[in-house]
Amino acid sequence: EVHLVESGGGLVQAGGSLRLSCEVSGFTSDDYAIGWFRQAPGKEREGVSCISFRDDSTYYSDSVKGRFAISSDKAKNTVYLQMNTLREPEDTAVYYCAAIRKGDPDALRRMAFWDIFYDYWGQGTQVTVSS
């Protein structure tokens, strides 16, 4: 059974940084990817980044490109989202990691930011950016 557990959220001032972690368990191969999504109150869930465990390809939404960096430590089965230059209020949200059973770039280019394609979800971690 696949499990995802996020950690690292908190309160940070605008312009600051946070690193989120997503510990992944239950997969028996590398043919999957981990995405990070966020949801602010009253808004739809938004995909922000994704990384393939098959070939380490990475994907970013325009809203975070250049500020956020996704990485993985396969020995620890953990994915990180380094968030820099955080903005208030647009980066304030509950952040979720999720797993999709796709590892190839052709599929991820089409699916990485659509939550309907993801099969497993973590419980979420709150990130609050203050002015």
Protein backbone atom coordinates (compact mmCIF):
# COMPACT_ATOMS: atom_id res chain seq x y z
CA GLU A 1 0.00 0.00 0.00
CA VAL A 2 1.31 3.42 -0.98
CA HIS A 3 1.68 6.10 1.69
CA LEU A 4 2.78 9.72 1.42
CA VAL A 5 3.62 11.86 4.42
CA GLU A 6 4.40 15.57 4.11
CA SER A 7 6.31 17.67 6.59
CA GLY A 8 8.07 21.02 6.76
CA GLY A 9 5.25 23.51 6.56
CA GLY A 10 5.03 26.53 8.80
CA LEU A 11 4.93 30.29 9.06
CA VAL A 12 7.49 32.34 7.15
CA GLN A 13 7.88 35.97 6.21
CA ALA A 14 7.56 37.10 2.62
CA GLY A 15 10.88 36.69 0.85
CA GLY A 16 11.87 33.79 3.07
CA SER A 17 12.32 30.09 2.38
CA LEU A 18 10.90 26.76 3.46
CA ARG A 19 11.63 23.18 2.48
CA LEU A 20 8.82 20.67 2.34
CA SER A 21 9.43 16.93 2.48
CA CYS A 22 7.32 14.06 1.21
CA GLU A 23 8.22 10.60 2.44
CA VAL A 24 7.02 7.92 0.03
CA SER A 25 6.48 4.25 0.78
CA GLY A 26 4.86 1.28 -0.90
CA PHE A 27 6.09 1.50 -4.49
CA THR A 28 7.88 -1.56 -5.84
CA SER A 29 9.39 0.08 -8.93
CA ASP A 30 10.60 3.52 -10.05
CA ASP A 31 7.89 3.97 -12.67
CA TYR A 32 6.08 6.77 -10.89
CA ALA A 33 6.31 10.48 -10.18
CA ILE A 34 5.63 12.71 -7.23
CA GLY A 35 3.84 15.99 -7.63
CA TRP A 36 3.32 18.90 -5.31
CA PHE A 37 -0.03 20.65 -5.27
CA ARG A 38 -1.39 23.49 -3.20
CA GLN A 39 -4.80 24.76 -2.29
CA ALA A 40 -5.64 28.12 -0.79
CA PRO A 41 -9.01 28.82 0.87
CA GLY A 42 -11.70 29.36 -1.71
CA LYS A 43 -9.43 28.39 -4.60
CA GLU A 44 -8.98 25.31 -6.73
CA ARG A 45 -6.09 22.96 -6.13
CA GLU A 46 -3.07 23.96 -8.21
CA GLY A 47 -0.21 21.77 -9.38
CA VAL A 48 3.15 23.43 -8.82
CA SER A 49 5.88 20.87 -9.44
CA CYS A 50 6.56 17.24 -10.27
CA ILE A 51 9.54 14.89 -10.42
CA SER A 52 9.86 11.51 -12.07
CA PHE A 53 11.49 8.70 -10.10
CA ARG A 54 12.25 6.98 -13.42
CA ASP A 55 14.53 9.61 -14.97
CA ASP A 56 14.54 12.56 -12.51
CA SER A 57 12.84 14.85 -15.02
CA THR A 58 11.25 17.85 -13.33
CA TYR A 59 8.31 20.09 -14.10
CA TYR A 60 7.26 23.48 -12.74
CA SER A 61 4.23 25.68 -13.08
CA ASP A 62 4.81 29.22 -14.27
CA SER A 63 3.76 30.54 -10.88
CA VAL A 64 6.76 28.96 -9.11
CA LYS A 65 9.35 28.54 -11.85
CA GLY A 66 12.64 30.06 -10.78
CA ARG A 67 11.63 30.19 -7.10
CA PHE A 68 10.85 26.58 -6.19
CA ALA A 69 13.06 23.54 -6.74
CA ILE A 70 11.98 19.90 -6.54
CA SER A 71 14.42 17.10 -5.83
CA SER A 72 14.47 13.53 -4.62
CA ASP A 73 16.61 11.33 -2.42
CA LYS A 74 15.94 7.82 -3.62
CA ALA A 75 17.86 6.23 -0.76
CA LYS A 76 15.41 7.88 1.64
CA ASN A 77 12.37 7.62 -0.69
CA THR A 78 11.81 11.30 -0.05
CA VAL A 79 10.93 14.20 -2.33
CA TYR A 80 11.72 17.76 -1.36
CA LEU A 81 10.24 21.05 -2.45
CA GLN A 82 12.60 23.92 -1.74
CA MET A 83 10.57 27.12 -1.77
CA ASN A 84 12.47 30.39 -2.02
CA THR A 85 11.43 34.01 -2.31
CA LEU A 86 8.02 33.17 -0.89
CA ARG A 87 5.25 35.58 -1.72
CA GLU A 88 2.32 36.77 0.29
CA PRO A 89 -0.50 35.89 -0.28
CA GLU A 90 -0.11 33.72 -3.38
CA ASP A 91 2.13 31.05 -1.81
CA THR A 92 0.00 30.68 1.31
CA ALA A 93 -1.85 27.38 1.01
CA VAL A 94 -2.05 23.80 2.16
CA TYR A 95 0.59 21.89 0.22
CA TYR A 96 0.03 18.28 -0.74
CA CYS A 97 2.29 15.71 -2.30
CA ALA A 98 0.75 13.11 -4.53
CA ALA A 99 1.86 10.11 -6.56
CA ILE A 100 1.07 9.28 -10.16
CA ARG A 101 1.83 5.88 -11.69
CA LYS A 102 3.64 7.42 -14.64
CA GLY A 103 7.38 7.90 -14.94
CA ASP A 104 7.96 8.76 -18.59
CA PRO A 105 8.39 12.38 -19.68
CA ASP A 106 5.83 12.19 -22.51
CA ALA A 107 3.07 11.28 -20.06
CA LEU A 108 4.19 13.67 -17.34
CA ARG A 109 4.33 16.63 -19.71
CA ARG A 110 0.60 16.12 -20.24
CA MET A 111 -0.45 15.03 -16.77
CA ALA A 112 1.93 16.50 -14.19
CA PHE A 113 -0.31 19.41 -13.09
CA TRP A 114 -3.72 17.70 -13.28
CA ASP A 115 -4.78 16.31 -9.92
CA ILE A 116 -7.30 13.92 -11.50
CA PHE A 117 -4.42 11.76 -12.76
CA TYR A 118 -2.87 11.22 -9.33
CA ASP A 119 -3.61 8.04 -7.44
CA TYR A 120 -2.33 8.68 -3.92
CA TRP A 121 -2.26 11.76 -1.70
CA GLY A 122 -0.67 12.88 1.51
CA GLN A 123 -2.51 14.63 4.29
CA GLY A 124 -1.16 18.10 3.49
CA THR A 125 0.97 20.64 5.31
CA GLN A 126 0.12 24.29 5.87
CA VAL A 127 2.40 27.01 4.55
CA THR A 128 1.62 30.54 5.64
CA VAL A 129 3.52 33.50 4.25
CA SER A 130 3.22 36.70 6.25
CA SER A 131 3.89 40.23 5.06
